[in-house]
Amino acid sequence: MTKLKVGIIGLGFIGTQKHLPGLASQSEEVEIRAFCDLELSRAENARAEFGVDESYATADWHAVVADDTLDVIHVCTWNTSHREITIAALEAGKHVMVEKPMAVTGEDARAMLEASRRTGKKLTVGYQYRWREDNKFLRSAVDEGRLGEIYHARGHAVRRRGVPIWGSFTDKDKQGGGPLIDLGTHALDLALWFMGNYEVASVTGTVFHKLGDKPEGNMGGEWDPATFHVEDSAFGYVTMKNGATVFLEAAWALNVPQSREACVTLAGTDGGAESRQLGAQWEASLNGVVGGQLTETAPDFKGAYFGASSSSGSGFTVLGAQEAAQWVRAIKTDTDPLVLPEQACVVTEILDGIYRSAASGQPVTF
């Protein structure tokens, strides 16, 4: 069986903790041939652990894109570089998985989508939380029609104090933004995916820079306020062309009693649904009316999570393996990946709209 030859560009946290183990779990279908990072030692270390005899390490992403032996490239670099590297890889004849967010601006995302269509190469985005057990349960409920028409959703991506103090997360020039583009992108992807609605009419947003100089109590240690150049929280209200609405909240630091990351609330004509975070675990529930009485039901995920890398089965190793398996299958069978680039493009357009609305003080019309 011919194995796909893969190159990975960017070997920071997400590259080494999700993409490499995920691809390694598909070793019967995949060989990781190229390891690239601006810090060459990272690439060399990754090659030593995950590479094959023909693998190589480099600090030059152009060399990886130009490698005619590669079939697939994973882009796990700074957000602001996603457009350039992704388009170059597509035009070089490679299928591409780019880590979320797809891009920093709607213009960039549309250019990437156009390149995928023009070259005929597959493009997908790393929204691994679609494989979390609570979200697979909610997806099944939606597909079975248990919620009816979903006309309102809320995307929750809030940490009480969870500013990432490693890498370049607080560097706006490299990332394009803070928690909205980092965390909010996951919650918005889930909300739109469940609703099945990607026709946007307008976006209104508010962005706050209130707690960047208050690093006390942060998970993992205090950040340096002098290097905190992004928002600490952001909120958006989206109106769809059919009248449906989406509220999005995203924060790395917000004075609320509980964190709630990559969770959704769904309101439909026949029922509702919700995902909730309990520490490092997630749960889901459905609500409705039975026999004239309000009801709420929740599945027991304990069996599904047995043996997973975390108690909730949400660890990057678990989700990365499922994401990689589906991606490899899509390429080999020439079918659509679960995360379509058209969907991810709309997510980026909305996030961009929230930032632009916050800057102008006016709604952004699509």
Protein backbone atom coordinates (compact mmCIF):
# COMPACT_ATOMS: atom_id res chain seq x y z
CA MET A 1 0.00 0.00 0.00
CA THR A 2 1.40 3.40 -0.98
CA LYS A 3 1.91 5.65 2.00
CA LEU A 4 1.22 9.38 1.94
CA LYS A 5 4.40 11.42 2.35
CA VAL A 6 3.83 14.29 4.76
CA GLY A 7 5.76 17.40 5.69
CA ILE A 8 5.00 19.45 8.79
CA ILE A 9 5.87 23.14 9.04
CA GLY A 10 5.87 24.56 12.56
CA LEU A 11 6.82 22.41 15.53
CA GLY A 12 5.62 24.36 18.52
CA PHE A 13 3.05 23.08 21.00
CA ILE A 14 0.25 22.22 18.58
CA GLY A 15 2.59 20.70 16.03
CA THR A 16 4.29 18.39 18.51
CA GLN A 17 1.36 17.64 20.81
CA LYS A 18 -1.40 17.09 18.24
CA HIS A 19 -0.23 16.84 14.65
CA LEU A 20 2.84 14.63 15.05
CA PRO A 21 1.19 12.05 17.36
CA GLY A 22 -1.92 12.14 15.20
CA LEU A 23 0.01 11.40 12.03
CA ALA A 24 2.10 8.78 13.83
CA SER A 25 -1.10 6.96 14.77
CA GLN A 26 -1.65 6.45 11.03
CA SER A 27 1.76 4.90 10.44
CA GLU A 28 0.34 2.25 8.12
CA GLU A 29 -0.94 5.01 5.83
CA VAL A 30 1.53 7.85 6.39
CA GLU A 31 5.24 8.63 6.53
CA ILE A 32 6.41 11.94 7.96
CA ARG A 33 9.28 12.92 5.68
CA ALA A 34 9.88 16.63 6.36
CA PHE A 35 10.18 18.40 9.72
CA CYS A 36 10.45 22.19 9.59
CA ASP A 37 10.75 24.86 12.26
CA LEU A 38 12.54 28.20 12.54
CA GLU A 39 14.37 26.63 15.48
CA LEU A 40 16.23 23.84 13.70
CA SER A 41 16.78 21.92 16.94
CA ARG A 42 13.01 21.46 17.25
CA ALA A 43 12.85 19.98 13.77
CA GLU A 44 15.77 17.68 14.47
CA ASN A 45 14.26 16.47 17.73
CA ALA A 46 10.91 15.79 16.05
CA ARG A 47 12.61 13.92 13.21
CA ALA A 48 14.48 11.74 15.71
CA GLU A 49 11.21 10.74 17.37
CA PHE A 50 8.75 10.56 14.47
CA GLY A 51 10.80 10.34 11.29
CA VAL A 52 11.74 7.49 8.95
CA ASP A 53 15.11 6.85 7.28
CA GLU A 54 14.29 9.22 4.42
CA SER A 55 13.15 12.05 6.69
CA TYR A 56 14.99 15.34 7.05
CA ALA A 57 14.93 18.44 9.24
CA THR A 58 15.08 22.00 7.96
CA ALA A 59 14.43 25.59 9.03
CA ASP A 60 13.31 26.61 5.51
CA TRP A 61 9.62 26.11 4.80
CA HIS A 62 10.17 26.93 1.14
CA ALA A 63 12.25 23.75 0.83
CA VAL A 64 9.39 21.67 2.22
CA VAL A 65 6.85 23.21 -0.13
CA ALA A 66 9.16 22.60 -3.10
CA ASP A 67 9.77 18.93 -2.19
CA ASP A 68 8.19 16.96 -5.05
CA THR A 69 8.19 13.75 -3.01
CA LEU A 70 5.61 15.09 -0.55
CA ASP A 71 1.86 14.62 -0.93
CA VAL A 72 0.59 16.53 2.11
CA ILE A 73 1.74 19.48 4.18
CA HIS A 74 0.55 20.45 7.66
CA VAL A 75 0.90 24.16 8.45
CA CYS A 76 1.25 24.83 12.19
CA THR A 77 2.92 28.24 12.13
CA TRP A 78 2.02 31.72 13.34
CA ASN A 79 -1.48 32.75 12.29
CA THR A 80 -0.24 35.62 10.14
CA SER A 81 1.82 33.21 7.98
CA HIS A 82 -1.01 30.77 7.23
CA ARG A 83 -2.05 32.39 3.97
CA GLU A 84 1.40 32.54 2.39
CA ILE A 85 2.52 29.03 3.28
CA THR A 86 -0.83 27.38 2.56
CA ILE A 87 -1.23 28.92 -0.89
CA ALA A 88 2.37 28.10 -1.78
CA ALA A 89 1.85 24.48 -0.73
CA LEU A 90 -1.40 24.14 -2.67
CA GLU A 91 0.16 25.63 -5.78
CA ALA A 92 3.05 23.16 -5.39
CA GLY A 93 0.53 20.32 -5.67
CA LYS A 94 0.17 19.41 -2.00
CA HIS A 95 -2.95 18.75 0.04
CA VAL A 96 -2.91 21.01 3.10
CA MET A 97 -4.14 20.86 6.67
CA VAL A 98 -3.66 24.27 8.28
CA GLU A 99 -4.05 24.71 12.00
CA LYS A 100 -6.84 26.93 13.25
CA PRO A 101 -7.62 29.70 12.66
CA MET A 102 -7.65 29.34 8.90
CA ALA A 103 -6.29 32.88 8.56
CA VAL A 104 -6.24 36.26 10.25
CA THR A 105 -8.57 38.07 7.84
CA GLY A 106 -11.49 37.12 5.68
CA GLU A 107 -9.53 38.26 2.62
CA ASP A 108 -6.72 35.85 3.45
CA ALA A 109 -9.11 32.96 4.04
CA ARG A 110 -10.91 33.58 0.75
CA ALA A 111 -7.57 33.60 -1.09
CA MET A 112 -6.69 30.24 0.45
CA LEU A 113 -10.07 28.80 -0.50
CA GLU A 114 -9.68 30.05 -4.06
CA ALA A 115 -6.22 28.45 -4.29
CA SER A 116 -7.64 25.10 -3.16
CA ARG A 117 -10.38 25.25 -5.79
CA ARG A 118 -7.99 26.40 -8.51
CA THR A 119 -5.40 23.71 -7.85
CA GLY A 120 -7.86 20.92 -7.10
CA LYS A 121 -5.99 20.09 -3.89
CA LYS A 122 -7.76 19.41 -0.62
CA LEU A 123 -7.65 21.97 2.18
CA THR A 124 -8.88 21.51 5.73
CA VAL A 125 -8.47 23.28 9.07
CA GLY A 126 -7.55 21.85 12.47
CA TYR A 127 -10.81 22.08 14.43
CA GLN A 128 -10.18 18.98 16.51
CA TYR A 129 -12.98 19.62 19.00
CA ARG A 130 -15.51 18.31 16.50
CA TRP A 131 -14.22 14.89 17.60
CA ARG A 132 -14.80 15.47 21.32
CA GLU A 133 -17.36 13.01 22.68
CA ASP A 134 -19.82 15.66 23.84
CA ASN A 135 -19.77 17.29 20.42
CA LYS A 136 -20.19 13.99 18.58
CA PHE A 137 -23.24 13.36 20.76
CA LEU A 138 -24.70 16.79 19.98
CA ARG A 139 -24.00 16.29 16.29
CA SER A 140 -25.96 13.05 16.37
CA ALA A 141 -28.87 14.76 18.10
CA VAL A 142 -28.88 17.49 15.45
CA ASP A 143 -28.70 14.95 12.61
CA GLU A 144 -31.63 13.04 14.12
CA GLY A 145 -33.71 16.23 14.10
CA ARG A 146 -34.19 16.26 17.86
CA LEU A 147 -33.67 20.02 18.11
CA GLY A 148 -35.71 21.04 15.08
CA GLU A 149 -34.67 24.34 13.53
CA ILE A 150 -31.78 25.84 15.52
CA TYR A 151 -32.39 29.57 15.42
CA HIS A 152 -30.09 30.73 18.23
CA ALA A 153 -26.69 29.52 19.41
CA ARG A 154 -24.06 30.70 21.84
CA GLY A 155 -20.39 29.89 21.53
CA HIS A 156 -18.45 29.88 24.80
CA ALA A 157 -14.65 30.17 24.89
CA VAL A 158 -13.93 31.72 28.28
CA ARG A 159 -11.09 31.15 30.69
CA ARG A 160 -11.12 32.77 34.11
CA ARG A 161 -7.32 33.16 34.05
CA GLY A 162 -5.77 31.12 31.29
CA VAL A 163 -3.44 33.34 29.30
CA PRO A 164 -0.90 31.16 27.45
CA ILE A 165 2.53 32.34 28.55
CA TRP A 166 4.56 30.32 26.04
CA GLY A 167 5.14 30.90 22.35
CA SER A 168 3.78 33.99 20.61
CA PHE A 169 0.15 33.97 21.71
CA THR A 170 0.20 37.54 23.06
CA ASP A 171 2.09 38.93 20.05
CA LYS A 172 -0.47 40.58 17.77
CA ASP A 173 1.96 40.91 14.86
CA LYS A 174 2.35 37.12 14.72
CA GLN A 175 -1.08 35.94 15.83
CA GLY A 176 -3.40 38.68 14.64
CA GLY A 177 -5.31 38.77 17.92
CA GLY A 178 -5.82 37.12 21.27
CA PRO A 179 -8.50 34.86 22.74
CA LEU A 180 -11.06 35.64 20.04
CA ILE A 181 -8.91 34.27 17.23
CA ASP A 182 -7.31 31.59 19.42
CA LEU A 183 -10.23 30.17 21.45
CA GLY A 184 -13.29 31.84 19.99
CA THR A 185 -12.59 30.23 16.63
CA HIS A 186 -13.29 26.76 18.11
CA ALA A 187 -16.58 27.75 19.76
CA LEU A 188 -17.78 29.55 16.64
CA ASP A 189 -16.85 26.62 14.43
CA LEU A 190 -18.93 24.30 16.61
CA ALA A 191 -21.94 26.64 16.76
CA LEU A 192 -22.10 27.12 12.99
CA TRP A 193 -21.48 23.42 12.35
CA PHE A 194 -24.38 22.39 14.57
CA MET A 195 -26.66 25.02 13.08
CA GLY A 196 -25.66 24.12 9.53
CA ASN A 197 -25.88 27.81 8.76
CA TYR A 198 -23.05 29.72 7.09
CA GLU A 199 -25.02 32.56 5.47
CA VAL A 200 -24.04 35.66 7.45
CA ALA A 201 -25.89 38.97 7.26
CA SER A 202 -24.05 41.13 9.81
CA VAL A 203 -21.63 41.07 12.74
CA THR A 204 -21.34 43.39 15.72
CA GLY A 205 -18.38 43.10 18.08
CA THR A 206 -16.75 44.48 21.20
CA VAL A 207 -13.13 43.92 22.21
CA PHE A 208 -11.69 44.66 25.65
CA HIS A 209 -8.16 45.37 26.89
CA LYS A 210 -8.89 45.47 30.62
CA LEU A 211 -6.84 42.81 32.41
CA GLY A 212 -3.61 42.64 30.45
CA ASP A 213 -1.73 44.30 33.30
CA LYS A 214 -3.22 42.04 35.99
CA PRO A 215 -1.37 38.69 35.70
CA GLU A 216 -2.09 37.44 39.21
CA GLY A 217 -3.60 33.98 39.52
CA ASN A 218 -2.95 32.92 35.94
CA MET A 219 -2.99 29.22 35.17
CA GLY A 220 0.61 28.15 34.57
CA GLY A 221 2.17 31.33 35.92
CA GLU A 222 2.02 35.06 35.44
CA TRP A 223 2.42 36.63 32.02
CA ASP A 224 4.55 39.66 31.25
CA PRO A 225 2.24 42.68 30.83
CA ALA A 226 4.90 44.37 28.69
CA THR A 227 4.48 41.69 26.00
CA PHE A 228 0.67 41.47 26.19
CA HIS A 229 -0.38 43.18 22.94
CA VAL A 230 -3.77 41.55 22.27
CA GLU A 231 -7.27 41.72 23.74
CA ASP A 232 -8.05 39.84 26.96
CA SER A 233 -11.72 39.34 26.03
CA ALA A 234 -14.05 39.83 23.08
CA PHE A 235 -17.75 39.43 22.35
CA GLY A 236 -19.63 39.19 19.09
CA TYR A 237 -23.23 39.06 17.92
CA VAL A 238 -23.91 37.49 14.53
CA THR A 239 -27.14 37.74 12.55
CA MET A 240 -27.65 35.21 9.80
CA LYS A 241 -29.52 35.89 6.56
CA ASN A 242 -32.44 33.70 7.69
CA GLY A 243 -32.77 35.66 10.95
CA ALA A 244 -30.97 33.16 13.19
CA THR A 245 -28.45 34.58 15.66
CA VAL A 246 -25.19 33.57 17.29
CA PHE A 247 -23.59 35.09 20.39
CA LEU A 248 -19.87 34.47 20.87
CA GLU A 249 -17.79 35.11 23.98
CA ALA A 250 -14.04 34.59 24.16
CA ALA A 251 -11.59 35.42 26.94
CA TRP A 252 -8.23 34.42 28.33
CA ALA A 253 -8.88 36.50 31.44
CA LEU A 254 -12.36 37.37 32.65
CA ASN A 255 -13.77 37.78 36.14
CA VAL A 256 -16.30 34.96 35.99
CA PRO A 257 -16.51 32.03 38.44
CA GLN A 258 -16.04 29.25 35.89
CA SER A 259 -14.18 28.61 32.68
CA ARG A 260 -16.04 27.29 29.67
CA GLU A 261 -13.91 26.43 26.66
CA ALA A 262 -15.11 25.32 23.23
CA CYS A 263 -18.68 24.86 24.47
CA VAL A 264 -22.02 25.71 22.89
CA THR A 265 -25.63 26.38 23.78
CA LEU A 266 -28.19 25.55 21.09
CA ALA A 267 -31.84 26.63 21.02
CA GLY A 268 -34.16 24.95 18.53
CA THR A 269 -37.86 24.73 17.81
CA ASP A 270 -38.15 21.18 19.17
CA GLY A 271 -35.49 21.18 21.85
CA GLY A 272 -32.23 22.58 23.08
CA ALA A 273 -28.74 21.32 23.80
CA GLU A 274 -25.67 22.40 25.68
CA SER A 275 -22.08 21.39 26.32
CA ARG A 276 -20.43 22.29 29.61
CA GLN A 277 -16.91 22.18 31.00
CA LEU A 278 -16.29 20.67 34.42
CA GLY A 279 -12.63 21.19 35.14
CA ALA A 280 -10.81 19.09 32.54
CA GLN A 281 -13.98 17.26 31.51
CA TRP A 282 -16.86 18.10 29.23
CA GLU A 283 -20.47 16.96 29.35
CA ALA A 284 -23.48 17.44 27.11
CA SER A 285 -27.23 17.52 27.64
CA LEU A 286 -30.47 17.81 25.71
CA ASN A 287 -33.52 19.66 26.99
CA GLY A 288 -37.14 19.71 25.90
CA VAL A 289 -40.70 18.95 26.93
CA VAL A 290 -42.07 15.43 27.52
CA GLY A 291 -45.59 14.79 28.79
CA GLY A 292 -46.07 18.45 29.52
CA GLN A 293 -42.97 18.55 31.73
CA LEU A 294 -39.62 20.23 31.13
CA THR A 295 -36.85 17.65 30.84
CA GLU A 296 -33.08 17.49 30.61
CA THR A 297 -31.15 14.36 29.70
CA ALA A 298 -27.42 13.68 29.55
CA PRO A 299 -25.41 10.71 28.29
CA ASP A 300 -22.83 8.83 30.36
CA PHE A 301 -19.47 9.22 28.64
CA LYS A 302 -17.44 7.18 31.14
CA GLY A 303 -17.27 4.16 28.88
CA ALA A 304 -16.27 6.23 25.89
CA TYR A 305 -13.50 7.94 27.82
CA PHE A 306 -11.99 4.78 29.32
CA GLY A 307 -8.33 4.59 28.42
CA ALA A 308 -8.22 8.05 26.87
CA SER A 309 -5.36 10.43 27.50
CA SER A 310 -7.55 12.56 29.75
CA SER A 311 -10.60 11.83 31.82
CA SER A 312 -12.78 13.53 29.23
CA GLY A 313 -11.19 12.03 26.14
CA SER A 314 -10.40 15.54 25.01
CA GLY A 315 -6.61 15.31 25.06
CA PHE A 316 -4.75 16.38 21.93
CA THR A 317 -3.41 12.85 21.45
CA VAL A 318 -6.90 11.33 21.33
CA LEU A 319 -8.49 14.05 19.21
CA GLY A 320 -5.43 14.39 16.97
CA ALA A 321 -5.55 10.70 16.09
CA GLN A 322 -9.21 10.92 15.06
CA GLU A 323 -8.59 14.11 13.11
CA ALA A 324 -5.61 12.58 11.29
CA ALA A 325 -7.44 9.33 10.50
CA GLN A 326 -10.34 11.17 8.88
CA TRP A 327 -8.01 13.51 6.97
CA VAL A 328 -5.90 10.67 5.59
CA ARG A 329 -9.05 8.76 4.61
CA ALA A 330 -10.43 11.81 2.79
CA ILE A 331 -7.25 12.13 0.75
CA LYS A 332 -6.97 8.44 -0.09
CA THR A 333 -10.63 8.04 -1.03
CA ASP A 334 -10.91 11.47 -2.68
CA THR A 335 -13.79 12.49 -0.44
CA ASP A 336 -14.46 15.66 1.54
CA PRO A 337 -12.76 16.15 4.90
CA LEU A 338 -15.06 16.73 7.86
CA VAL A 339 -13.93 20.36 8.18
CA LEU A 340 -14.60 21.98 4.83
CA PRO A 341 -12.51 25.03 3.88
CA GLU A 342 -15.71 26.88 2.99
CA GLN A 343 -16.90 26.47 6.57
CA ALA A 344 -13.58 27.54 8.09
CA CYS A 345 -13.53 30.56 5.77
CA VAL A 346 -16.84 31.81 7.18
CA VAL A 347 -15.53 31.38 10.73
CA THR A 348 -12.54 33.58 9.89
CA GLU A 349 -14.75 36.14 8.14
CA ILE A 350 -16.91 36.44 11.27
CA LEU A 351 -13.93 36.77 13.61
CA ASP A 352 -12.47 39.40 11.32
CA GLY A 353 -15.84 41.13 11.33
CA ILE A 354 -15.93 41.21 15.14
CA TYR A 355 -12.51 42.86 15.25
CA ARG A 356 -13.46 45.36 12.55
CA SER A 357 -16.79 46.17 14.20
CA ALA A 358 -15.06 46.74 17.53
CA ALA A 359 -12.57 49.08 15.89
CA SER A 360 -15.20 51.11 14.03
CA GLY A 361 -18.01 50.97 16.57
CA GLN A 362 -20.37 49.96 13.78
CA PRO A 363 -21.84 46.65 12.58
CA VAL A 364 -20.10 44.94 9.68
CA THR A 365 -22.48 43.92 6.93
CA PHE A 366 -21.76 40.90 4.73
